[in-house]
Amino acid sequence: MAIPAIFLPTNLTVTATIKANSSFKKLNKTPTNPFNSSLKSLTKSGKLDEALLLIESQKSSQLDIESYSSLLHACISKKSIEHGHRLYIHLLLNSNKSILNYPLILSKLITLFSVCDQLDEARRIFEHAIGNEDRPELVWVAMAIGYSRKRCFREALLVYSKMLFRSIEPGNFAFSMAVKACSGISDLRVGRGVHAQIIKADKEADQVVYNALLGMYTECGCFRDVLKVFEEMPERNVVSWNSLIAAFVKKRQVFEAFETFRRMQNEDVGYSWVTFTTILAICSQVTYLYYGREIHSQIVKSTNVPDVVLLNSLLDMYAKCGAMEYCIRVFERMKYRDITSWNTVINGYAINGLMGETMKLFNEMVSGGVRPDGVTFIALLSGCSHAGLADLGEELFESMTGDFGIRPSLEHYACLVDILGRAGKIKEALQVVEKMPVKPSGSIWGSLLNSCRLHGNVSLAELVAEQLFEMEPNNCGNYVMLSNIYANAGMWEGVKKVREMMENKGIKKEAGCSWIQVRNKVHTFMAGGGFEFRNSDEYKEVWDELSEAIEKIGYKPDTRVVLHDVSEETKAEWICGHSERLATVFGLIQTGCGIPIRVTKNIRICADCHSWMKFVSEITRRRIIVRDTNRFHHFDQGKCSCNEYW
């Protein structure tokens, strides 16, 4: 559906003004009578049946416009179409139908029917209203918002366009609606046109309009415009700051998002639960436990009761920071839990390698009458895959369809293929792929390719890789995995061939990167980097002591993880520069005894670093928690939570 050209900045010649509604003021001069007072009292207390009986027993001339408006507002709040429809019929049958001509009543009737899923009736009232005479902005915007509420954003913009053609000058109410509609369909061209109208308008834009502009430019990925609008705002509220933080998050500028949150606190703006929910989501992504606990303390100190969405974000943060003891503590103290609460903790146990607790909580959930959904089983099946519980995984997949009637999605099939493939049942995994009712996705072929890597099946890997290269030609992970399979088999010509393919397509392997948070600062290390730190006296002293100690108890470098045709000495040297090792040594130096070391890595931890971490945890008697792209590894006293199945 095309949007008229009137939205373009070159075609913005709105000249007419809104007509004064003098008759509205006259009607409100009706002397106060006891019926109006009684009606308002009944409406305020939510007694809609009694309020309607009172209206139906009186002449319309005895009731003022505000009384009708209050009752309609109560019907909207309660989404009571029954009471609203009774009032509408009463007004239609009443001899004094002039009440239905008042913009306030019309707008509330349109809003009532739209919020109660009767958009056709709302449109009928609207079209009848605008057919006879011009109506003010209020009526037009009510209809447009009704469309937007049903995600019919183009229809909302067409209502706005027709309003402009009627020479009705838009105000802030209409501007905010139009900008939000543009955001809903990510229409930057029309959005900029509306923004130009806002700039040219006689009246200064309010905070709602500015915040809508921030949201629209964020949705459209125009980060410079977000910053410009934010800096030009005469006043900013919590919503403004939340929008800026959300823009940084969308652009994956995590540090800038945290910096904005700090600025927000320093300027004493205050916060909303949305603020904390957004920041906690960032903490979950990059395992910033220190910041997450700081947010938790502010929630505890607040006099307001946190909603379930915020508490679910808190659960997710603790789970994805590897702090399940805190996660379960929050979960147990929640007065109300929804399905997301249960799923978050179940997934937390699963990614932290605690499948016993995962199944215990799942059984508690089902016995408590909470029905699992597709997300629940993705968490369960993924946990079985990483724990090597193939029989349990197959049993859960059957239970999902048989006992709970959940239709398997591509994600469920990907988990099942991964479970079977990791367990060495590659033939069975292929049978699942062949019998799937839908076309296999890239993640399913990727699971098969990973199974080929684990079990050294080069011939099948080549066939699977062909499928992946066709489906995901720019996914570097697929090329790297095939190259690794060739390297593990000593097929260096194959490695060379894959690298040439990557060079020809301009695909680069993602460099290994790890980070660790010490107190309120995050330190990042790149593989083969950190030269200043590695050349420091502190590092050399700790590294030499560790190397000597772990060699005495049996550590030997596994140079097979270096998939390059170079000397053993060079391979051993390269291993020492892996980013997770640098981050771990930094943590040992900078933190006190007994404090767990938490490291996050952007790619999968290598086998030799995994072995090295176990020896270091035994020598130092420190817990080392590493989160890679797949899962958590909790190293403690020479053992890992993955039980060597990863």
Foldseek 3Di string as FASTA:
>chain_A
DDFDPCLFLVNPDQDAEFDDPVVLVVLVVQDDDVLLVVLLVCLVVPVLVVSLVSVLVDAPSNYGLVSLLSSLVSCLVVLPVPSLVSVVVSLVPHPPVCSLLDLSNLLSSLLSCLSNVNLVVSVVSLCVNVVPHHDAPSNLLSNLVSCVVVLNLSVSSVSVVVNSVVSHQDDLSSLLSNLLSCQSVLPVRSNVSSVSSQVPDPDHHDASNLLSNLSSCLSNLVLVSNVVSLVPDPDYAQSNLLSNLSSCVSVVVLVVSVVSVVVCVVVVRDYDLSSLLSNLQSCLVQVPVLVLVVSVVVQVPDPDPDDQSSLLSSLSNCLSNLNLVVNVVSLVPDPDHAQSSLLSSLLSCLQQLNLVVNVVSVVVCVVVPHQHAQSSLLSNLLSCLLLLVLVVNVVSVCCCCPVRNYDDDLSSLLSNLLSCLLNVNNVVSVVSQVPDPDHHDLSNLVSSLVSCQNVLVLVVNVVSLVVNCVRPVQPVVSLVSNLLSCLLVVNVVSNVVSVVSCVVVVHDDDWKKKWFDDNHDIDIATQVDPVVVCPDPLNVVLVVVLVVQLVVVPQDADLSQPSDPDDPVVSVVSVCRHRVNVQVSVCVSRDDQADATEMEMAADDTPRVVQSLLSSQQVRQHWYWYHYPRHIWTHGNSDTSSRPRD
